[in-house]
Amino acid sequence: MLLFTPREHPNEAFVFETERLARLVADMEGIRRGEPPQALAGGEDAPILDRWILGHRPVPCLAGLSTGHPRLSGVNRAIATSDLWLMSEDRTWARTLSRWYRLGRPVEQSRPDA
């Protein structure tokens, strides 16, 4: 997940991820057009991954009470979002893999007894 502030010059991490995702989308569009992976990957220059397995790792997401979701109808419906990619530094907007969310109040954090 990247933090962002709307401005003319985004930070290096934001630029890096934007460029990386643009390359992914370009490859996906190439596959859709029928280009073979060998051509998209640069042929013999692509690295080899040997003795591989399919792994899983957790990714950041948001969970909360949703109102006005286009696919998960209801008021204050408990949901978990798709992968969280962007959050405004002021914590008022978030972009998941699927869509933008306006962020309301965060859950109150419990305080240890003094």
Protein backbone atom coordinates (compact mmCIF):
# COMPACT_ATOMS: atom_id res chain seq x y z
CA MET A 1 0.00 0.00 0.00
CA LEU A 2 1.30 3.44 -0.90
CA LEU A 3 0.53 6.68 0.89
CA PHE A 4 -0.10 9.64 -1.40
CA THR A 5 -0.68 13.35 -1.28
CA PRO A 6 -2.07 15.00 -4.43
CA ARG A 7 0.80 17.05 -5.83
CA GLU A 8 2.76 17.61 -8.99
CA HIS A 9 5.77 15.51 -7.98
CA PRO A 10 4.90 12.16 -6.36
CA ASN A 11 7.50 10.40 -4.25
CA GLU A 12 9.88 7.77 -5.67
CA ALA A 13 7.93 4.79 -4.34
CA PHE A 14 4.73 6.05 -5.98
CA VAL A 15 6.51 6.54 -9.33
CA PHE A 16 8.15 3.10 -9.09
CA GLU A 17 4.86 1.30 -8.42
CA THR A 18 3.04 3.27 -11.13
CA GLU A 19 5.63 2.26 -13.69
CA ARG A 20 5.63 -1.38 -12.51
CA LEU A 21 1.84 -1.61 -12.75
CA ALA A 22 1.88 0.06 -16.18
CA ARG A 23 4.28 -2.67 -17.39
CA LEU A 24 1.97 -5.36 -15.97
CA VAL A 25 -1.05 -3.85 -17.74
CA ALA A 26 0.93 -3.60 -21.00
CA ASP A 27 1.80 -7.31 -20.75
CA MET A 28 -1.83 -8.21 -19.99
CA GLU A 29 -2.95 -6.24 -23.05
CA GLY A 30 -0.31 -8.05 -25.12
CA ILE A 31 -1.65 -11.45 -23.97
CA ARG A 32 -5.17 -10.29 -24.82
CA ARG A 33 -3.96 -9.42 -28.35
CA GLY A 34 -2.51 -12.93 -28.71
CA GLU A 35 1.19 -12.13 -28.21
CA PRO A 36 3.13 -15.10 -26.81
CA PRO A 37 4.76 -14.77 -23.37
CA GLN A 38 8.19 -15.38 -24.94
CA ALA A 39 7.87 -12.20 -27.00
CA LEU A 40 6.61 -10.13 -24.06
CA ALA A 41 9.33 -11.43 -21.72
CA GLY A 42 12.23 -10.83 -24.08
CA GLY A 43 12.80 -14.49 -24.99
CA GLU A 44 15.91 -16.08 -23.51
CA ASP A 45 16.63 -13.01 -21.34
CA ALA A 46 13.79 -13.89 -18.93
CA PRO A 47 14.96 -15.47 -15.65
CA ILE A 48 14.25 -19.12 -14.93
CA LEU A 49 12.43 -20.19 -11.77
CA ASP A 50 13.24 -23.84 -11.05
CA ARG A 51 11.73 -26.20 -8.45
CA TRP A 52 8.89 -23.73 -7.94
CA ILE A 53 5.65 -24.03 -5.98
CA LEU A 54 2.55 -21.89 -5.84
CA GLY A 55 2.75 -19.79 -2.68
CA HIS A 56 0.37 -17.46 -0.88
CA ARG A 57 1.13 -14.37 1.13
CA PRO A 58 -1.11 -11.91 2.94
CA VAL A 59 -1.67 -8.48 1.43
CA PRO A 60 -3.01 -5.30 3.03
CA CYS A 61 -6.75 -4.68 2.77
CA LEU A 62 -9.38 -2.69 4.62
CA ALA A 63 -12.26 -4.06 6.65
CA GLY A 64 -15.20 -2.06 7.87
CA LEU A 65 -18.82 -1.14 7.39
CA SER A 66 -19.71 -0.36 3.78
CA THR A 67 -22.60 1.74 2.50
CA GLY A 68 -23.20 2.34 -1.20
CA HIS A 69 -20.96 -0.44 -2.52
CA PRO A 70 -21.89 -1.28 -6.14
CA ARG A 71 -21.75 -5.06 -5.61
CA LEU A 72 -22.22 -5.53 -1.86
CA SER A 73 -25.49 -3.77 -1.18
CA GLY A 74 -26.72 -2.62 2.17
CA VAL A 75 -26.07 -0.03 4.83
CA ASN A 76 -23.20 -0.59 7.26
CA ARG A 77 -22.52 -4.02 5.74
CA ALA A 78 -19.37 -5.66 7.11
CA ILE A 79 -16.88 -6.24 4.31
CA ALA A 80 -13.21 -6.81 3.61
CA THR A 81 -11.85 -5.10 0.52
CA SER A 82 -9.62 -6.37 -2.24
CA ASP A 83 -5.88 -5.61 -2.03
CA LEU A 84 -5.20 -2.11 -0.72
CA TRP A 85 -2.94 -0.12 -3.09
CA LEU A 86 -3.26 3.56 -2.15
CA MET A 87 -4.27 5.63 0.86
CA SER A 88 -4.21 9.40 1.15
CA GLU A 89 -1.88 10.65 3.85
CA ASP A 90 -4.84 12.33 5.56
CA ARG A 91 -6.60 8.92 5.60
CA THR A 92 -9.73 10.19 3.80
CA TRP A 93 -9.39 8.17 0.55
CA ALA A 94 -8.25 4.64 -0.29
CA ARG A 95 -7.85 2.80 -3.60
CA THR A 96 -8.07 -0.96 -3.61
CA LEU A 97 -7.47 -3.18 -6.59
CA SER A 98 -11.19 -2.91 -7.36
CA ARG A 99 -12.26 0.65 -6.55
CA TRP A 100 -11.94 3.90 -4.59
CA TYR A 101 -13.40 4.24 -1.09
CA ARG A 102 -14.18 7.38 0.87
CA LEU A 103 -12.95 6.68 4.38
CA GLY A 104 -15.09 7.56 7.35
CA ARG A 105 -14.01 7.18 10.95
CA PRO A 106 -11.37 4.60 11.79
CA VAL A 107 -12.18 2.00 14.43
CA GLU A 108 -11.33 3.31 17.88
CA GLN A 109 -8.15 1.78 19.20
CA SER A 110 -8.39 0.28 22.66
CA ARG A 111 -6.15 1.98 25.20
CA PRO A 112 -4.25 0.03 27.80
CA ASP A 113 -5.42 0.79 31.33
CA ALA A 114 -3.28 3.37 33.06
